[in-house]
Amino acid sequence: IVLRNRDRLKVHSEEGVRIVVKALLGC
């Protein structure tokens, strides 16, 4: 999830936080 969203994660945004949180929840 994070590897495929590198460009979105380059910006410190609510969208980036949401991506990381979703992935951590999956773990």
PDB file of all heavy atoms in Angstrom:
ATOM      1  N   ILE A   1       0.832  -1.205   0.000  1.00  0.00           N
ATOM      2  CA  ILE A   1       0.000   0.000   0.000  1.00  0.00           C
ATOM      3  C   ILE A   1       0.864   1.252   0.000  1.00  0.00           C
ATOM      4  O   ILE A   1       0.628   2.193  -0.764  1.00  0.00           O
ATOM      5  CB  ILE A   1      -0.957   0.007   1.215  1.00  0.00           C
ATOM      6  CG1 ILE A   1      -2.108  -0.975   0.986  1.00  0.00           C
ATOM      7  CG2 ILE A   1      -1.526   1.414   1.458  1.00  0.00           C
ATOM      8  CD1 ILE A   1      -3.006  -1.151   2.189  1.00  0.00           C
ATOM      9  N   VAL A   2       1.895   1.267   0.859  1.00  0.00           N
ATOM     10  CA  VAL A   2       2.747   2.466   0.907  1.00  0.00           C
ATOM     11  C   VAL A   2       3.704   2.507  -0.287  1.00  0.00           C
ATOM     12  O   VAL A   2       3.990   3.586  -0.824  1.00  0.00           O
ATOM     13  CB  VAL A   2       3.523   2.566   2.235  1.00  0.00           C
ATOM     14  CG1 VAL A   2       2.572   2.826   3.388  1.00  0.00           C
ATOM     15  CG2 VAL A   2       4.374   1.342   2.504  1.00  0.00           C
ATOM     16  N   LEU A   3       4.184   1.359  -0.714  1.00  0.00           N
ATOM     17  CA  LEU A   3       5.095   1.337  -1.861  1.00  0.00           C
ATOM     18  C   LEU A   3       4.419   1.869  -3.125  1.00  0.00           C
ATOM     19  O   LEU A   3       5.046   2.552  -3.943  1.00  0.00           O
ATOM     20  CB  LEU A   3       5.599  -0.081  -2.106  1.00  0.00           C
ATOM     21  CG  LEU A   3       6.561  -0.655  -1.053  1.00  0.00           C
ATOM     22  CD1 LEU A   3       6.824  -2.129  -1.326  1.00  0.00           C
ATOM     23  CD2 LEU A   3       7.867   0.125  -1.034  1.00  0.00           C
ATOM     24  N   ARG A   4       3.126   1.568  -3.283  1.00  0.00           N
ATOM     25  CA  ARG A   4       2.399   1.994  -4.476  1.00  0.00           C
ATOM     26  C   ARG A   4       1.890   3.433  -4.392  1.00  0.00           C
ATOM     27  O   ARG A   4       1.379   3.967  -5.371  1.00  0.00           O
ATOM     28  CB  ARG A   4       1.219   1.048  -4.712  1.00  0.00           C
ATOM     29  CG  ARG A   4       1.651  -0.352  -5.141  1.00  0.00           C
ATOM     30  CD  ARG A   4       0.493  -1.327  -5.058  1.00  0.00           C
ATOM     31  NE  ARG A   4       0.896  -2.672  -5.496  1.00  0.00           N
ATOM     32  CZ  ARG A   4       0.193  -3.775  -5.278  1.00  0.00           C
ATOM     33  NH1 ARG A   4      -0.963  -3.701  -4.621  1.00  0.00           N
ATOM     34  NH2 ARG A   4       0.621  -4.941  -5.698  1.00  0.00           N
ATOM     35  N   ASN A   5       2.021   4.033  -3.218  1.00  0.00           N
ATOM     36  CA  ASN A   5       1.519   5.399  -3.037  1.00  0.00           C
ATOM     37  C   ASN A   5       2.631   6.377  -2.684  1.00  0.00           C
ATOM     38  O   ASN A   5       2.407   7.364  -1.986  1.00  0.00           O
ATOM     39  CB  ASN A   5       0.449   5.420  -1.940  1.00  0.00           C
ATOM     40  CG  ASN A   5      -0.884   4.877  -2.416  1.00  0.00           C
ATOM     41  OD1 ASN A   5      -1.653   5.570  -3.079  1.00  0.00           O
ATOM     42  ND2 ASN A   5      -1.150   3.621  -2.092  1.00  0.00           N
ATOM     43  N   ARG A   6       3.821   6.115  -3.211  1.00  0.00           N
ATOM     44  CA  ARG A   6       4.970   6.953  -2.874  1.00  0.00           C
ATOM     45  C   ARG A   6       4.721   8.429  -3.169  1.00  0.00           C
ATOM     46  O   ARG A   6       4.999   9.285  -2.330  1.00  0.00           O
ATOM     47  CB  ARG A   6       6.209   6.485  -3.652  1.00  0.00           C
ATOM     48  CG  ARG A   6       7.418   7.385  -3.428  1.00  0.00           C
ATOM     49  CD  ARG A   6       8.669   6.808  -4.012  1.00  0.00           C
ATOM     50  NE  ARG A   6       8.528   6.504  -5.429  1.00  0.00           N
ATOM     51  CZ  ARG A   6       9.484   5.934  -6.161  1.00  0.00           C
ATOM     52  NH1 ARG A   6      10.637   5.598  -5.593  1.00  0.00           N
ATOM     53  NH2 ARG A   6       9.297   5.688  -7.439  1.00  0.00           N
ATOM     54  N   ASP A   7       4.198   8.740  -4.321  1.00  0.00           N
ATOM     55  CA  ASP A   7       4.004  10.149  -4.671  1.00  0.00           C
ATOM     56  C   ASP A   7       3.030  10.846  -3.728  1.00  0.00           C
ATOM     57  O   ASP A   7       3.230  12.005  -3.358  1.00  0.00           O
ATOM     58  CB  ASP A   7       3.502  10.266  -6.114  1.00  0.00           C
ATOM     59  CG  ASP A   7       4.575   9.872  -7.132  1.00  0.00           C
ATOM     60  OD1 ASP A   7       5.767   9.866  -6.754  1.00  0.00           O
ATOM     61  OD2 ASP A   7       4.222   9.548  -8.277  1.00  0.00           O
ATOM     62  N   ARG A   8       1.956  10.153  -3.340  1.00  0.00           N
ATOM     63  CA  ARG A   8       1.005  10.737  -2.396  1.00  0.00           C
ATOM     64  C   ARG A   8       1.634  10.933  -1.024  1.00  0.00           C
ATOM     65  O   ARG A   8       1.314  11.887  -0.317  1.00  0.00           O
ATOM     66  CB  ARG A   8      -0.238   9.850  -2.276  1.00  0.00           C
ATOM     67  CG  ARG A   8      -1.128   9.835  -3.515  1.00  0.00           C
ATOM     68  CD  ARG A   8      -2.392   9.032  -3.253  1.00  0.00           C
ATOM     69  NE  ARG A   8      -3.318   9.096  -4.378  1.00  0.00           N
ATOM     70  CZ  ARG A   8      -3.303   8.258  -5.395  1.00  0.00           C
ATOM     71  NH1 ARG A   8      -2.401   7.284  -5.432  1.00  0.00           N
ATOM     72  NH2 ARG A   8      -4.165   8.379  -6.381  1.00  0.00           N
ATOM     73  N   LEU A   9       2.544  10.045  -0.657  1.00  0.00           N
ATOM     74  CA  LEU A   9       3.167  10.118   0.660  1.00  0.00           C
ATOM     75  C   LEU A   9       4.274  11.163   0.738  1.00  0.00           C
ATOM     76  O   LEU A   9       4.737  11.499   1.825  1.00  0.00           O
ATOM     77  CB  LEU A   9       3.728   8.743   1.045  1.00  0.00           C
ATOM     78  CG  LEU A   9       2.675   7.649   1.268  1.00  0.00           C
ATOM     79  CD1 LEU A   9       3.355   6.294   1.446  1.00  0.00           C
ATOM     80  CD2 LEU A   9       1.817   7.971   2.486  1.00  0.00           C
ATOM     81  N   LYS A  10       4.688  11.686  -0.390  1.00  0.00           N
ATOM     82  CA  LYS A  10       5.713  12.738  -0.388  1.00  0.00           C
ATOM     83  C   LYS A  10       5.182  14.034   0.198  1.00  0.00           C
ATOM     84  O   LYS A  10       5.954  14.894   0.631  1.00  0.00           O
ATOM     85  CB  LYS A  10       6.225  12.973  -1.814  1.00  0.00           C
ATOM     86  CG  LYS A  10       7.151  11.880  -2.330  1.00  0.00           C
ATOM     87  CD  LYS A  10       7.645  12.186  -3.728  1.00  0.00           C
ATOM     88  CE  LYS A  10       8.608  11.116  -4.222  1.00  0.00           C
ATOM     89  NZ  LYS A  10       9.093  11.382  -5.599  1.00  0.00           N
ATOM     90  N   VAL A  11       3.881  14.177   0.194  1.00  0.00           N
ATOM     91  CA  VAL A  11       3.240  15.376   0.744  1.00  0.00           C
ATOM     92  C   VAL A  11       2.662  15.035   2.111  1.00  0.00           C
ATOM     93  O   VAL A  11       1.981  14.026   2.272  1.00  0.00           O
ATOM     94  CB  VAL A  11       2.113  15.875  -0.188  1.00  0.00           C
ATOM     95  CG1 VAL A  11       1.441  17.118   0.399  1.00  0.00           C
ATOM     96  CG2 VAL A  11       2.665  16.158  -1.574  1.00  0.00           C
ATOM     97  N   HIS A  12       2.936  15.885   3.092  1.00  0.00           N
ATOM     98  CA  HIS A  12       2.397  15.649   4.442  1.00  0.00           C
ATOM     99  C   HIS A  12       0.952  16.137   4.455  1.00  0.00           C
ATOM    100  O   HIS A  12       0.677  17.318   4.620  1.00  0.00           O
ATOM    101  CB  HIS A  12       3.225  16.398   5.482  1.00  0.00           C
ATOM    102  CG  HIS A  12       2.944  15.962   6.887  1.00  0.00           C
ATOM    103  ND1 HIS A  12       3.127  14.666   7.319  1.00  0.00           N
ATOM    104  CD2 HIS A  12       2.471  16.652   7.967  1.00  0.00           C
ATOM    105  CE1 HIS A  12       2.799  14.573   8.594  1.00  0.00           C
ATOM    106  NE2 HIS A  12       2.387  15.758   9.014  1.00  0.00           N
ATOM    107  N   SER A  13       0.046  15.208   4.257  1.00  0.00           N
ATOM    108  CA  SER A  13      -1.364  15.571   4.112  1.00  0.00           C
ATOM    109  C   SER A  13      -2.259  14.572   4.827  1.00  0.00           C
ATOM    110  O   SER A  13      -1.826  13.490   5.227  1.00  0.00           O
ATOM    111  CB  SER A  13      -1.739  15.592   2.623  1.00  0.00           C
ATOM    112  OG  SER A  13      -1.618  14.272   2.081  1.00  0.00           O
ATOM    113  N   GLU A  14      -3.527  14.928   4.965  1.00  0.00           N
ATOM    114  CA  GLU A  14      -4.498  14.028   5.577  1.00  0.00           C
ATOM    115  C   GLU A  14      -4.616  12.751   4.755  1.00  0.00           C
ATOM    116  O   GLU A  14      -4.781  11.657   5.305  1.00  0.00           O
ATOM    117  CB  GLU A  14      -5.855  14.726   5.695  1.00  0.00           C
ATOM    118  CG  GLU A  14      -6.867  14.026   6.599  1.00  0.00           C
ATOM    119  CD  GLU A  14      -7.646  12.926   5.891  1.00  0.00           C
ATOM    120  OE1 GLU A  14      -7.798  13.028   4.651  1.00  0.00           O
ATOM    121  OE2 GLU A  14      -8.098  11.973   6.569  1.00  0.00           O
ATOM    122  N   GLU A  15      -4.503  12.872   3.434  1.00  0.00           N
ATOM    123  CA  GLU A  15      -4.576  11.702   2.562  1.00  0.00           C
ATOM    124  C   GLU A  15      -3.432  10.739   2.864  1.00  0.00           C
ATOM    125  O   GLU A  15      -3.628   9.523   2.940  1.00  0.00           O
ATOM    126  CB  GLU A  15      -4.515  12.119   1.092  1.00  0.00           C
ATOM    127  CG  GLU A  15      -4.598  10.943   0.128  1.00  0.00           C
ATOM    128  CD  GLU A  15      -4.339  11.337  -1.318  1.00  0.00           C
ATOM    129  OE1 GLU A  15      -3.611  12.323  -1.549  1.00  0.00           O
ATOM    130  OE2 GLU A  15      -4.857  10.639  -2.214  1.00  0.00           O
ATOM    131  N   GLY A  16      -2.224  11.280   3.059  1.00  0.00           N
ATOM    132  CA  GLY A  16      -1.073  10.448   3.370  1.00  0.00           C
ATOM    133  C   GLY A  16      -1.242   9.739   4.699  1.00  0.00           C
ATOM    134  O   GLY A  16      -0.917   8.550   4.843  1.00  0.00           O
ATOM    135  N   VAL A  17      -1.736  10.473   5.691  1.00  0.00           N
ATOM    136  CA  VAL A  17      -1.990   9.876   7.001  1.00  0.00           C
ATOM    137  C   VAL A  17      -2.984   8.734   6.876  1.00  0.00           C
ATOM    138  O   VAL A  17      -2.814   7.651   7.450  1.00  0.00           O
ATOM    139  CB  VAL A  17      -2.516  10.938   7.997  1.00  0.00           C
ATOM    140  CG1 VAL A  17      -3.043  10.270   9.266  1.00  0.00           C
ATOM    141  CG2 VAL A  17      -1.429  11.936   8.341  1.00  0.00           C
ATOM    142  N   ARG A  18      -4.026   8.957   6.092  1.00  0.00           N
ATOM    143  CA  ARG A  18      -5.073   7.943   5.908  1.00  0.00           C
ATOM    144  C   ARG A  18      -4.483   6.663   5.279  1.00  0.00           C
ATOM    145  O   ARG A  18      -4.822   5.557   5.681  1.00  0.00           O
ATOM    146  CB  ARG A  18      -6.172   8.511   5.014  1.00  0.00           C
ATOM    147  CG  ARG A  18      -7.406   7.644   4.875  1.00  0.00           C
ATOM    148  CD  ARG A  18      -8.405   8.321   3.946  1.00  0.00           C
ATOM    149  NE  ARG A  18      -8.994   9.504   4.548  1.00  0.00           N
ATOM    150  CZ  ARG A  18     -10.197   9.517   5.123  1.00  0.00           C
ATOM    151  NH1 ARG A  18     -10.916   8.416   5.165  1.00  0.00           N
ATOM    152  NH2 ARG A  18     -10.676  10.620   5.647  1.00  0.00           N
ATOM    153  N   ILE A  19      -3.589   6.828   4.311  1.00  0.00           N
ATOM    154  CA  ILE A  19      -2.961   5.682   3.646  1.00  0.00           C
ATOM    155  C   ILE A  19      -2.157   4.859   4.651  1.00  0.00           C
ATOM    156  O   ILE A  19      -2.269   3.632   4.712  1.00  0.00           O
ATOM    157  CB  ILE A  19      -2.048   6.160   2.492  1.00  0.00           C
ATOM    158  CG1 ILE A  19      -2.899   6.708   1.340  1.00  0.00           C
ATOM    159  CG2 ILE A  19      -1.146   5.021   2.008  1.00  0.00           C
ATOM    160  CD1 ILE A  19      -2.093   7.449   0.286  1.00  0.00           C
ATOM    161  N   VAL A  20      -1.354   5.546   5.461  1.00  0.00           N
ATOM    162  CA  VAL A  20      -0.503   4.855   6.433  1.00  0.00           C
ATOM    163  C   VAL A  20      -1.346   4.183   7.512  1.00  0.00           C
ATOM    164  O   VAL A  20      -1.094   3.030   7.888  1.00  0.00           O
ATOM    165  CB  VAL A  20       0.515   5.831   7.057  1.00  0.00           C
ATOM    166  CG1 VAL A  20       1.305   5.143   8.166  1.00  0.00           C
ATOM    167  CG2 VAL A  20       1.470   6.357   5.988  1.00  0.00           C
ATOM    168  N   VAL A  21      -2.352   4.886   8.012  1.00  0.00           N
ATOM    169  CA  VAL A  21      -3.208   4.316   9.059  1.00  0.00           C
ATOM    170  C   VAL A  21      -3.919   3.064   8.559  1.00  0.00           C
ATOM    171  O   VAL A  21      -3.976   2.044   9.250  1.00  0.00           O
ATOM    172  CB  VAL A  21      -4.230   5.359   9.570  1.00  0.00           C
ATOM    173  CG1 VAL A  21      -5.293   4.696  10.443  1.00  0.00           C
ATOM    174  CG2 VAL A  21      -3.524   6.456  10.352  1.00  0.00           C
ATOM    175  N   LYS A  22      -4.449   3.126   7.347  1.00  0.00           N
ATOM    176  CA  LYS A  22      -5.118   1.948   6.770  1.00  0.00           C
ATOM    177  C   LYS A  22      -4.182   0.746   6.734  1.00  0.00           C
ATOM    178  O   LYS A  22      -4.553  -0.377   7.082  1.00  0.00           O
ATOM    179  CB  LYS A  22      -5.588   2.253   5.343  1.00  0.00           C
ATOM    180  CG  LYS A  22      -6.940   2.916   5.232  1.00  0.00           C
ATOM    181  CD  LYS A  22      -7.331   3.025   3.755  1.00  0.00           C
ATOM    182  CE  LYS A  22      -8.692   3.664   3.585  1.00  0.00           C
ATOM    183  NZ  LYS A  22      -9.072   3.763   2.153  1.00  0.00           N
ATOM    184  N   ALA A  23      -2.951   0.993   6.300  1.00  0.00           N
ATOM    185  CA  ALA A  23      -1.980  -0.095   6.189  1.00  0.00           C
ATOM    186  C   ALA A  23      -1.617  -0.659   7.563  1.00  0.00           C
ATOM    187  O   ALA A  23      -1.507  -1.877   7.731  1.00  0.00           O
ATOM    188  CB  ALA A  23      -0.725   0.405   5.474  1.00  0.00           C
ATOM    189  N   LEU A  24      -1.458   0.214   8.552  1.00  0.00           N
ATOM    190  CA  LEU A  24      -1.131  -0.239   9.902  1.00  0.00           C
ATOM    191  C   LEU A  24      -2.273  -1.045  10.509  1.00  0.00           C
ATOM    192  O   LEU A  24      -2.043  -2.024  11.231  1.00  0.00           O
ATOM    193  CB  LEU A  24      -0.797   0.959  10.796  1.00  0.00           C
ATOM    194  CG  LEU A  24       0.504   1.710  10.459  1.00  0.00           C
ATOM    195  CD1 LEU A  24       0.633   2.968  11.307  1.00  0.00           C
ATOM    196  CD2 LEU A  24       1.728   0.815  10.673  1.00  0.00           C
ATOM    197  N   LEU A  25      -3.498  -0.655  10.216  1.00  0.00           N
ATOM    198  CA  LEU A  25      -4.652  -1.400  10.701  1.00  0.00           C
ATOM    199  C   LEU A  25      -4.665  -2.813  10.112  1.00  0.00           C
ATOM    200  O   LEU A  25      -4.994  -3.787  10.798  1.00  0.00           O
ATOM    201  CB  LEU A  25      -5.949  -0.676  10.343  1.00  0.00           C
ATOM    202  CG  LEU A  25      -6.195   0.677  11.026  1.00  0.00           C
ATOM    203  CD1 LEU A  25      -7.477   1.309  10.510  1.00  0.00           C
ATOM    204  CD2 LEU A  25      -6.252   0.528  12.533  1.00  0.00           C
ATOM    205  N   GLY A  26      -4.287  -2.922   8.850  1.00  0.00           N
ATOM    206  CA  GLY A  26      -4.209  -4.232   8.208  1.00  0.00           C
ATOM    207  C   GLY A  26      -3.210  -5.138   8.898  1.00  0.00           C
ATOM    208  O   GLY A  26      -3.436  -6.351   9.031  1.00  0.00           O
ATOM    209  N   CYS A  27      -2.114  -4.550   9.379  1.00  0.00           N
ATOM    210  CA  CYS A  27      -1.107  -5.334  10.096  1.00  0.00           C
ATOM    211  C   CYS A  27      -1.673  -5.895  11.392  1.00  0.00           C
ATOM    212  O   CYS A  27      -1.398  -7.044  11.763  1.00  0.00           O
ATOM    213  CB  CYS A  27       0.113  -4.461  10.412  1.00  0.00           C
ATOM    214  SG  CYS A  27       1.029  -3.933   8.957  1.00  0.00           S
TER     215      CYS A  27
END
